[in-house]
N, C-alpha and C. Protein backbone atom coordinates (compact mmCIF):
# COMPACT_ATOMS: atom_id res chain seq x y z
N MET A 1 -104.43 26.29 30.51
CA MET A 1 -103.01 26.55 30.68
C MET A 1 -102.79 28.06 30.80
N ASN A 2 -103.01 28.58 31.95
CA ASN A 2 -102.85 30.01 32.16
C ASN A 2 -101.39 30.39 32.39
N GLU A 3 -100.69 29.59 33.14
CA GLU A 3 -99.29 29.89 33.44
C GLU A 3 -98.40 29.34 32.34
N VAL A 4 -97.25 29.98 32.18
CA VAL A 4 -96.29 29.51 31.19
C VAL A 4 -94.88 29.54 31.79
N TYR A 5 -94.03 28.71 31.23
CA TYR A 5 -92.60 28.78 31.54
C TYR A 5 -92.01 29.76 30.54
N ASN A 6 -91.11 30.62 30.98
CA ASN A 6 -90.46 31.53 30.04
C ASN A 6 -88.98 31.19 29.85
N ASN A 7 -88.62 29.94 30.18
CA ASN A 7 -87.27 29.43 29.95
C ASN A 7 -87.34 27.91 29.86
N TYR A 8 -86.24 27.29 29.50
CA TYR A 8 -86.19 25.83 29.43
C TYR A 8 -85.66 25.21 30.72
N GLU A 9 -84.94 25.98 31.52
CA GLU A 9 -84.30 25.43 32.70
C GLU A 9 -85.30 24.87 33.71
N GLU A 10 -86.37 25.62 33.99
CA GLU A 10 -87.35 25.17 34.98
C GLU A 10 -88.00 23.85 34.61
N PRO A 11 -88.56 23.72 33.40
CA PRO A 11 -89.18 22.42 33.08
C PRO A 11 -88.17 21.28 33.01
N ILE A 12 -86.96 21.54 32.53
CA ILE A 12 -85.97 20.47 32.46
C ILE A 12 -85.55 20.03 33.86
N GLU A 13 -85.35 20.97 34.76
CA GLU A 13 -85.03 20.60 36.14
C GLU A 13 -86.17 19.81 36.78
N ALA A 14 -87.41 20.20 36.50
CA ALA A 14 -88.56 19.46 37.02
C ALA A 14 -88.62 18.05 36.44
N MET A 15 -88.29 17.92 35.16
CA MET A 15 -88.24 16.58 34.53
C MET A 15 -87.20 15.71 35.21
N LYS A 16 -86.03 16.28 35.48
CA LYS A 16 -84.96 15.53 36.16
C LYS A 16 -85.40 15.11 37.56
N HIS A 17 -86.05 16.02 38.27
CA HIS A 17 -86.52 15.73 39.63
C HIS A 17 -87.56 14.61 39.62
N LEU A 18 -88.54 14.70 38.73
CA LEU A 18 -89.57 13.65 38.65
C LEU A 18 -88.97 12.32 38.23
N THR A 19 -88.02 12.35 37.31
CA THR A 19 -87.36 11.12 36.88
C THR A 19 -86.62 10.47 38.04
N ALA A 20 -85.94 11.27 38.86
CA ALA A 20 -85.23 10.73 40.02
C ALA A 20 -86.18 10.05 41.00
N LEU A 21 -87.42 10.54 41.05
CA LEU A 21 -88.44 9.94 41.91
C LEU A 21 -89.23 8.84 41.20
N ASN A 22 -88.86 8.56 39.95
CA ASN A 22 -89.54 7.58 39.10
C ASN A 22 -91.02 7.93 38.87
N ILE A 23 -91.29 9.22 38.73
CA ILE A 23 -92.64 9.71 38.47
C ILE A 23 -92.71 10.18 37.02
N PRO A 24 -93.57 9.59 36.21
CA PRO A 24 -93.68 10.01 34.81
C PRO A 24 -94.24 11.42 34.69
N PHE A 25 -93.93 12.05 33.58
CA PHE A 25 -94.43 13.39 33.29
C PHE A 25 -94.90 13.44 31.84
N ALA A 26 -95.64 14.49 31.52
CA ALA A 26 -96.13 14.70 30.15
C ALA A 26 -95.41 15.91 29.56
N PHE A 27 -95.20 15.87 28.26
CA PHE A 27 -94.64 17.03 27.58
C PHE A 27 -94.97 16.95 26.09
N SER A 28 -94.78 18.05 25.42
CA SER A 28 -94.96 18.06 23.96
C SER A 28 -93.80 18.80 23.33
N HIS A 29 -93.54 18.45 22.08
CA HIS A 29 -92.46 19.10 21.33
C HIS A 29 -92.74 19.01 19.84
N LYS A 30 -92.11 19.90 19.11
CA LYS A 30 -92.17 19.85 17.65
C LYS A 30 -91.10 18.89 17.16
N LYS A 31 -91.39 18.22 16.07
CA LYS A 31 -90.38 17.42 15.39
C LYS A 31 -89.75 18.28 14.30
N LEU A 32 -88.65 17.82 13.77
CA LEU A 32 -87.96 18.58 12.73
C LEU A 32 -88.81 18.76 11.48
N ASP A 33 -89.78 17.88 11.25
CA ASP A 33 -90.65 18.01 10.09
C ASP A 33 -91.83 18.96 10.35
N GLY A 34 -91.90 19.54 11.56
CA GLY A 34 -92.94 20.51 11.88
C GLY A 34 -94.15 19.94 12.58
N THR A 35 -94.26 18.62 12.67
CA THR A 35 -95.39 18.02 13.38
C THR A 35 -95.18 18.11 14.89
N THR A 36 -96.26 18.04 15.63
CA THR A 36 -96.21 18.10 17.08
C THR A 36 -96.38 16.72 17.67
N VAL A 37 -95.58 16.41 18.67
CA VAL A 37 -95.65 15.13 19.37
C VAL A 37 -96.06 15.41 20.81
N CYS A 38 -97.08 14.70 21.29
CA CYS A 38 -97.52 14.80 22.69
C CYS A 38 -97.21 13.48 23.38
N ILE A 39 -96.38 13.55 24.40
CA ILE A 39 -95.98 12.37 25.17
C ILE A 39 -96.72 12.45 26.50
N ARG A 40 -97.54 11.45 26.80
CA ARG A 40 -98.35 11.50 28.03
C ARG A 40 -97.64 10.93 29.25
N LYS A 41 -96.72 9.99 29.03
CA LYS A 41 -95.99 9.38 30.16
C LYS A 41 -94.55 9.15 29.73
N ALA A 42 -93.63 9.91 30.32
CA ALA A 42 -92.21 9.78 29.96
C ALA A 42 -91.35 9.96 31.20
N ILE A 43 -90.14 9.43 31.10
CA ILE A 43 -89.08 9.73 32.06
C ILE A 43 -87.81 9.96 31.25
N LEU A 44 -86.89 10.72 31.80
CA LEU A 44 -85.62 10.95 31.13
C LEU A 44 -84.76 9.69 31.23
N ARG A 45 -83.84 9.55 30.30
CA ARG A 45 -82.94 8.39 30.31
C ARG A 45 -81.53 8.85 30.01
N PRO A 46 -80.55 8.04 30.40
CA PRO A 46 -79.16 8.38 30.07
C PRO A 46 -78.94 8.31 28.56
N MET A 47 -77.97 9.04 28.11
CA MET A 47 -77.65 9.09 26.70
C MET A 47 -76.73 7.94 26.32
N ALA A 48 -77.04 7.29 25.21
CA ALA A 48 -76.15 6.26 24.69
C ALA A 48 -74.97 6.92 23.99
N LYS A 49 -73.84 6.24 23.92
CA LYS A 49 -72.65 6.81 23.28
C LYS A 49 -72.91 7.20 21.83
N SER A 50 -73.78 6.47 21.16
CA SER A 50 -74.07 6.77 19.75
C SER A 50 -74.92 8.04 19.61
N GLU A 51 -75.42 8.60 20.72
CA GLU A 51 -76.29 9.76 20.67
C GLU A 51 -75.58 11.05 21.08
N PHE A 52 -74.26 11.05 21.16
CA PHE A 52 -73.53 12.23 21.63
C PHE A 52 -73.60 13.41 20.67
N LYS A 53 -73.86 13.18 19.40
CA LYS A 53 -73.91 14.28 18.43
C LYS A 53 -75.03 15.24 18.83
N ASN A 54 -74.72 16.50 18.99
CA ASN A 54 -75.68 17.54 19.37
C ASN A 54 -76.35 17.26 20.72
N SER A 55 -75.71 16.48 21.57
CA SER A 55 -76.34 16.06 22.82
C SER A 55 -76.67 17.20 23.77
N LYS A 56 -75.91 18.28 23.73
CA LYS A 56 -76.21 19.37 24.66
C LYS A 56 -77.49 20.10 24.28
N TYR A 57 -78.00 19.83 23.09
CA TYR A 57 -79.24 20.46 22.64
C TYR A 57 -80.44 19.52 22.72
N LYS A 58 -80.23 18.30 23.25
CA LYS A 58 -81.29 17.29 23.22
C LYS A 58 -81.67 16.78 24.61
N LEU A 59 -82.91 16.32 24.71
CA LEU A 59 -83.40 15.56 25.85
C LEU A 59 -83.56 14.12 25.40
N GLN A 60 -83.07 13.20 26.19
CA GLN A 60 -83.24 11.78 25.93
C GLN A 60 -84.33 11.28 26.87
N TYR A 61 -85.34 10.60 26.33
CA TYR A 61 -86.44 10.15 27.18
C TYR A 61 -86.94 8.78 26.74
N THR A 62 -87.68 8.15 27.64
CA THR A 62 -88.38 6.91 27.32
C THR A 62 -89.86 7.20 27.37
N ASN A 63 -90.55 6.88 26.28
CA ASN A 63 -92.00 6.98 26.25
C ASN A 63 -92.52 5.72 26.94
N LEU A 64 -93.11 5.88 28.11
CA LEU A 64 -93.52 4.72 28.91
C LEU A 64 -94.76 4.04 28.35
N GLU A 65 -95.49 4.70 27.46
CA GLU A 65 -96.65 4.06 26.85
C GLU A 65 -96.26 3.10 25.74
N THR A 66 -95.15 3.39 25.05
CA THR A 66 -94.69 2.53 23.96
C THR A 66 -93.36 1.84 24.28
N ASN A 67 -92.74 2.24 25.39
CA ASN A 67 -91.42 1.73 25.81
C ASN A 67 -90.33 2.03 24.78
N GLU A 68 -90.51 3.11 24.01
CA GLU A 68 -89.52 3.51 23.02
C GLU A 68 -88.56 4.54 23.60
N HIS A 69 -87.30 4.42 23.21
CA HIS A 69 -86.30 5.43 23.56
C HIS A 69 -86.31 6.48 22.47
N ARG A 70 -86.50 7.71 22.85
CA ARG A 70 -86.59 8.81 21.91
C ARG A 70 -85.76 9.99 22.38
N SER A 71 -85.63 10.98 21.53
CA SER A 71 -84.97 12.23 21.91
C SER A 71 -85.69 13.38 21.23
N CYS A 72 -85.48 14.56 21.78
CA CYS A 72 -86.03 15.75 21.15
C CYS A 72 -85.06 16.90 21.39
N TYR A 73 -85.08 17.86 20.48
CA TYR A 73 -84.25 19.04 20.64
C TYR A 73 -84.89 19.97 21.66
N ILE A 74 -84.12 20.43 22.63
CA ILE A 74 -84.63 21.30 23.68
C ILE A 74 -85.32 22.54 23.13
N PRO A 75 -84.78 23.21 22.11
CA PRO A 75 -85.47 24.41 21.60
C PRO A 75 -86.84 24.13 20.97
N LEU A 76 -87.16 22.85 20.77
CA LEU A 76 -88.45 22.49 20.17
C LEU A 76 -89.49 22.08 21.23
N LEU A 77 -89.14 22.17 22.51
CA LEU A 77 -90.11 21.87 23.57
C LEU A 77 -91.25 22.89 23.53
N LEU A 78 -92.47 22.39 23.69
CA LEU A 78 -93.66 23.25 23.67
C LEU A 78 -94.35 23.34 25.03
N SER A 79 -94.38 22.22 25.77
CA SER A 79 -95.07 22.22 27.06
C SER A 79 -94.48 21.14 27.96
N PHE A 80 -94.71 21.32 29.26
CA PHE A 80 -94.32 20.34 30.27
C PHE A 80 -95.46 20.25 31.27
N ASN A 81 -95.98 19.03 31.46
CA ASN A 81 -97.12 18.79 32.34
C ASN A 81 -98.24 19.82 32.12
N HIS A 82 -98.56 19.99 30.85
CA HIS A 82 -99.68 20.82 30.40
C HIS A 82 -99.49 22.31 30.68
N LYS A 83 -98.26 22.73 30.88
CA LYS A 83 -97.94 24.15 31.07
C LYS A 83 -97.05 24.57 29.89
N LEU A 84 -97.48 25.57 29.14
CA LEU A 84 -96.76 26.01 27.95
C LEU A 84 -95.37 26.53 28.26
N ILE A 85 -94.47 26.35 27.30
CA ILE A 85 -93.13 26.94 27.36
C ILE A 85 -93.08 27.98 26.25
N GLN A 86 -92.97 29.25 26.65
CA GLN A 86 -92.92 30.34 25.69
C GLN A 86 -91.79 31.28 26.07
N LEU A 87 -90.76 31.29 25.27
CA LEU A 87 -89.63 32.20 25.54
C LEU A 87 -90.00 33.60 25.11
N GLN A 88 -89.47 34.57 25.85
CA GLN A 88 -89.80 35.95 25.53
C GLN A 88 -88.61 36.68 24.97
């Protein structure tokens, strides 16, 4: 992983683009308890009405390996398709 993203906009836009084409992507993020989660196959999903709290700070996704609906806080994203996200 030589290249890195230095913002969240690029990987999120790429996630949206791949989701529109129904192409899964990989990403990793920290959980609130400090553990790291690596998702190998995911697509973004629409937000349910019950998930509106803090929604502008979250990504809603489906883990295609487990078929679970999950979310993560955008500031906790670590990588997208094996490319690190490091803000400067």
